[in-house]
């Protein structure tokens, strides 16, 4: 079960929170509007590249399968039909910055393996 829990947390939740924090910082109201911003979309993409490398290596999920999952999630959170607000998604930042949560969890595991975590850290800095 752990592979699927981490995959969801480190893909869905990380992408959602990254878009929310960068969007809020730019004064953007909704997640889909944040994802329409080229710079924010790139930040989300960069964070998910880092988490994908962890998921693939740690859980043996193929790169192709993980990329398809990432693409599906990015399409979902970019949907203008979903009026998800950056303020709502970004709530409870102390919890979301926990050791086993969406940013610090994968960043710590990647850093322990000597991998780059700059994108995840940029999300935390927001």
Protein backbone atom coordinates (compact mmCIF):
# COMPACT_ATOMS: atom_id res chain seq x y z
CA UNK A 1 0.00 0.00 0.00
CA UNK A 2 2.91 2.38 0.73
CA UNK A 3 3.88 2.84 -2.93
CA UNK A 4 0.40 4.08 -3.79
CA UNK A 5 0.08 6.30 -0.73
CA UNK A 6 3.44 7.94 -1.41
CA UNK A 7 2.72 8.18 -5.11
CA UNK A 8 -0.52 10.04 -4.42
CA UNK A 9 0.98 12.26 -1.72
CA UNK A 10 4.15 13.08 -3.67
CA UNK A 11 2.37 13.62 -6.99
CA UNK A 12 -1.18 14.85 -6.40
CA UNK A 13 -0.64 16.68 -3.13
CA UNK A 14 2.78 18.06 -4.05
CA UNK A 15 1.55 19.42 -7.38
CA UNK A 16 -1.58 20.90 -5.83
CA UNK A 17 0.28 22.59 -2.98
CA UNK A 18 3.05 23.87 -5.26
CA UNK A 19 0.48 25.48 -7.57
CA UNK A 20 -1.38 26.92 -4.56
CA UNK A 21 1.67 28.49 -2.90
CA UNK A 22 3.12 29.97 -6.08
CA UNK A 23 -0.34 31.08 -7.21
CA UNK A 24 -1.16 32.74 -3.92
CA UNK A 25 2.20 34.50 -3.96
CA UNK A 26 1.33 35.96 -7.38
CA UNK A 27 -2.17 36.99 -6.31
CA UNK A 28 -3.86 34.29 -8.38
CA UNK A 29 -7.24 33.08 -7.11
CA UNK A 30 -7.62 29.50 -8.38
CA UNK A 31 -5.43 26.49 -9.02
CA UNK A 32 -6.41 26.27 -12.69
CA UNK A 33 -5.45 29.95 -13.15
CA UNK A 34 -2.15 29.25 -11.41
CA UNK A 35 -1.52 26.32 -13.73
CA UNK A 36 -2.17 28.59 -16.73
CA UNK A 37 0.75 30.75 -15.60
CA UNK A 38 3.86 29.54 -17.48
CA UNK A 39 6.27 30.08 -14.55
CA UNK A 40 4.05 28.34 -12.02
CA UNK A 41 3.38 25.41 -14.34
CA UNK A 42 7.15 25.03 -14.73
CA UNK A 43 7.62 25.07 -10.94
CA UNK A 44 5.02 22.33 -10.58
CA UNK A 45 6.65 20.35 -13.39
CA UNK A 46 10.09 20.69 -11.80
CA UNK A 47 8.83 19.57 -8.38
CA UNK A 48 7.15 16.54 -9.93
CA UNK A 49 10.30 15.60 -11.82
CA UNK A 50 12.04 15.34 -8.48
CA UNK A 51 9.26 13.34 -6.81
CA UNK A 52 8.89 11.08 -9.85
CA UNK A 53 12.54 10.08 -9.64
CA UNK A 54 11.98 9.00 -6.03
CA UNK A 55 8.77 7.09 -6.79
CA UNK A 56 10.33 5.26 -9.73
CA UNK A 57 13.46 4.27 -7.85
CA UNK A 58 11.92 3.49 -4.47
CA UNK A 59 8.77 1.70 -5.55
CA UNK A 60 9.72 0.20 -8.92
CA UNK A 61 6.99 2.01 -10.80
CA UNK A 62 8.10 2.43 -14.41
CA UNK A 63 9.07 5.88 -15.65
CA UNK A 64 6.37 5.62 -18.33
CA UNK A 65 3.65 4.73 -15.83
CA UNK A 66 4.68 7.53 -13.47
CA UNK A 67 4.80 10.06 -16.31
CA UNK A 68 1.29 9.06 -17.39
CA UNK A 69 0.12 9.54 -13.80
CA UNK A 70 1.79 12.96 -13.61
CA UNK A 71 0.22 14.00 -16.92
CA UNK A 72 -3.22 12.94 -15.70
CA UNK A 73 -2.84 14.88 -12.46
CA UNK A 74 -1.58 18.02 -14.21
CA UNK A 75 -4.51 17.86 -16.60
CA UNK A 76 -6.92 17.43 -13.68
CA UNK A 77 -5.64 20.34 -11.59
CA UNK A 78 -5.48 22.56 -14.70
CA UNK A 79 -9.18 22.00 -15.43
CA UNK A 80 -11.01 25.38 -15.39
CA UNK A 81 -14.19 23.51 -14.43
CA UNK A 82 -12.69 22.93 -10.98
CA UNK A 83 -12.89 26.14 -8.97
CA UNK A 84 -10.29 25.09 -6.42
CA UNK A 85 -8.92 28.16 -4.63
CA UNK A 86 -5.24 28.65 -3.82
CA UNK A 87 -6.16 29.82 -0.31
CA UNK A 88 -8.07 26.61 0.43
CA UNK A 89 -5.44 24.30 -1.02
CA UNK A 90 -2.65 26.15 0.76
CA UNK A 91 -4.26 26.00 4.21
CA UNK A 92 -2.49 24.24 7.09
CA UNK A 93 1.06 24.89 5.88
CA UNK A 94 2.62 23.67 9.15
CA UNK A 95 1.04 20.23 8.62
CA UNK A 96 1.94 20.21 4.94
CA UNK A 97 5.57 20.90 5.81
CA UNK A 98 5.77 17.88 8.12
CA UNK A 99 8.65 15.39 7.84
CA UNK A 100 6.54 12.79 6.03
CA UNK A 101 4.45 15.21 4.00
CA UNK A 102 4.36 16.41 0.38
CA UNK A 103 7.50 18.58 0.31
CA UNK A 104 9.83 17.55 3.13
CA UNK A 105 9.10 13.81 2.81
CA UNK A 106 10.36 13.40 -0.74
CA UNK A 107 13.00 16.14 -0.38
CA UNK A 108 14.56 14.41 2.63
CA UNK A 109 14.60 11.01 0.95
CA UNK A 110 16.09 12.43 -2.24
CA UNK A 111 18.70 14.49 -0.36
CA UNK A 112 19.73 11.43 1.65
CA UNK A 113 20.40 9.77 -1.70
CA UNK A 114 22.43 12.78 -2.93
CA UNK A 115 19.76 13.96 -5.37
CA UNK A 116 18.81 17.54 -6.23
CA UNK A 117 15.78 18.94 -4.38
CA UNK A 118 15.86 22.59 -5.46
CA UNK A 119 12.34 22.56 -6.91
CA UNK A 120 10.79 21.05 -3.79
CA UNK A 121 12.64 23.57 -1.63
CA UNK A 122 11.34 26.45 -3.77
CA UNK A 123 7.82 25.23 -2.99
CA UNK A 124 8.61 25.25 0.74
CA UNK A 125 10.07 28.76 0.51
CA UNK A 126 6.82 30.16 -0.84
